[in-house]
Amino acid sequence: MARIIESTDGGRRIIKMTTEDIISIVQDYQRIVPRSLDCKEVRNYLNDVVIYIPEDV
């Protein structure tokens, strides 16, 4: 499970992901995005998609 690491200076937080988290994201990507799209089309397509990563608490 992903773990959010707070920044000590109040800046951006870091999300530490496991191998399983990354594989899950790749599987979601492959399921969601049609294979025939180019890079620009993929960006536009994914702007409308939300992918969640479970957080380790």
C-alpha atoms as a PDB file:
ATOM      1  CA  MET A   1       0.000   0.000   0.000  1.00  0.00           C
ATOM      2  CA  ALA A   2       1.111   3.541  -0.709  1.00  0.00           C
ATOM      3  CA  ARG A   3       2.377   5.662   2.153  1.00  0.00           C
ATOM      4  CA  ILE A   4       2.282   9.462   2.221  1.00  0.00           C
ATOM      5  CA  ILE A   5       5.423  11.047   3.659  1.00  0.00           C
ATOM      6  CA  GLU A   6       4.931  14.566   4.950  1.00  0.00           C
ATOM      7  CA  SER A   7       7.466  17.200   3.951  1.00  0.00           C
ATOM      8  CA  THR A   8       9.468  18.700   6.816  1.00  0.00           C
ATOM      9  CA  ASP A   9       9.344  22.177   5.264  1.00  0.00           C
ATOM     10  CA  GLY A  10       5.599  22.154   4.564  1.00  0.00           C
ATOM     11  CA  GLY A  11       6.096  21.672   0.816  1.00  0.00           C
ATOM     12  CA  ARG A  12       4.876  18.882  -1.370  1.00  0.00           C
ATOM     13  CA  ARG A  13       4.273  15.484   0.180  1.00  0.00           C
ATOM     14  CA  ILE A  14       5.908  12.328  -1.176  1.00  0.00           C
ATOM     15  CA  ILE A  15       3.959   9.173  -1.969  1.00  0.00           C
ATOM     16  CA  LYS A  16       6.036   6.049  -1.426  1.00  0.00           C
ATOM     17  CA  MET A  17       4.613   3.183  -3.470  1.00  0.00           C
ATOM     18  CA  THR A  18       5.277  -0.534  -3.334  1.00  0.00           C
ATOM     19  CA  THR A  19       5.908  -2.712  -6.368  1.00  0.00           C
ATOM     20  CA  GLU A  20       2.304  -3.912  -6.092  1.00  0.00           C
ATOM     21  CA  ASP A  21       1.062  -0.285  -6.199  1.00  0.00           C
ATOM     22  CA  ILE A  22       2.977   0.371  -9.407  1.00  0.00           C
ATOM     23  CA  ILE A  23       1.814  -2.879 -11.022  1.00  0.00           C
ATOM     24  CA  SER A  24      -1.765  -1.988 -10.085  1.00  0.00           C
ATOM     25  CA  ILE A  25      -1.408   1.438 -11.725  1.00  0.00           C
ATOM     26  CA  VAL A  26       0.049  -0.087 -14.895  1.00  0.00           C
ATOM     27  CA  GLN A  27      -2.792  -2.620 -15.035  1.00  0.00           C
ATOM     28  CA  ASP A  28      -5.359   0.176 -14.605  1.00  0.00           C
ATOM     29  CA  TYR A  29      -3.618   2.178 -17.323  1.00  0.00           C
ATOM     30  CA  GLN A  30      -3.655  -0.775 -19.710  1.00  0.00           C
ATOM     31  CA  ARG A  31      -7.332  -1.414 -18.968  1.00  0.00           C
ATOM     32  CA  ILE A  32      -8.403   2.251 -19.308  1.00  0.00           C
ATOM     33  CA  VAL A  33      -6.346   3.585 -22.231  1.00  0.00           C
ATOM     34  CA  PRO A  34      -6.958   2.308 -25.765  1.00  0.00           C
ATOM     35  CA  ARG A  35      -3.722   1.048 -27.338  1.00  0.00           C
ATOM     36  CA  SER A  36      -4.064   3.067 -30.528  1.00  0.00           C
ATOM     37  CA  LEU A  37      -3.574   6.483 -28.883  1.00  0.00           C
ATOM     38  CA  ASP A  38      -0.406   8.544 -29.200  1.00  0.00           C
ATOM     39  CA  CYS A  39       1.211  10.318 -26.219  1.00  0.00           C
ATOM     40  CA  LYS A  40      -0.773  13.565 -26.588  1.00  0.00           C
ATOM     41  CA  GLU A  41      -4.054  11.676 -26.900  1.00  0.00           C
ATOM     42  CA  VAL A  42      -3.200   9.580 -23.819  1.00  0.00           C
ATOM     43  CA  ARG A  43      -2.610  12.755 -21.780  1.00  0.00           C
ATOM     44  CA  ASN A  44      -5.964  14.162 -22.862  1.00  0.00           C
ATOM     45  CA  TYR A  45      -7.699  10.856 -22.215  1.00  0.00           C
ATOM     46  CA  LEU A  46      -6.221  10.471 -18.715  1.00  0.00           C
ATOM     47  CA  ASN A  47      -7.144  14.041 -17.727  1.00  0.00           C
ATOM     48  CA  ASP A  48     -10.720  12.770 -17.404  1.00  0.00           C
ATOM     49  CA  VAL A  49      -9.807   9.603 -15.461  1.00  0.00           C
ATOM     50  CA  VAL A  50      -9.186   9.296 -11.720  1.00  0.00           C
ATOM     51  CA  ILE A  51      -6.965   6.462 -10.474  1.00  0.00           C
ATOM     52  CA  TYR A  52      -6.859   5.879  -6.727  1.00  0.00           C
ATOM     53  CA  ILE A  53      -3.989   4.384  -4.747  1.00  0.00           C
ATOM     54  CA  PRO A  54      -4.872   2.988  -1.290  1.00  0.00           C
ATOM     55  CA  GLU A  55      -2.951   4.652   1.534  1.00  0.00           C
ATOM     56  CA  ASP A  56      -1.291   2.648   4.304  1.00  0.00           C
ATOM     57  CA  VAL A  57      -2.558   3.975   7.651  1.00  0.00           C
END
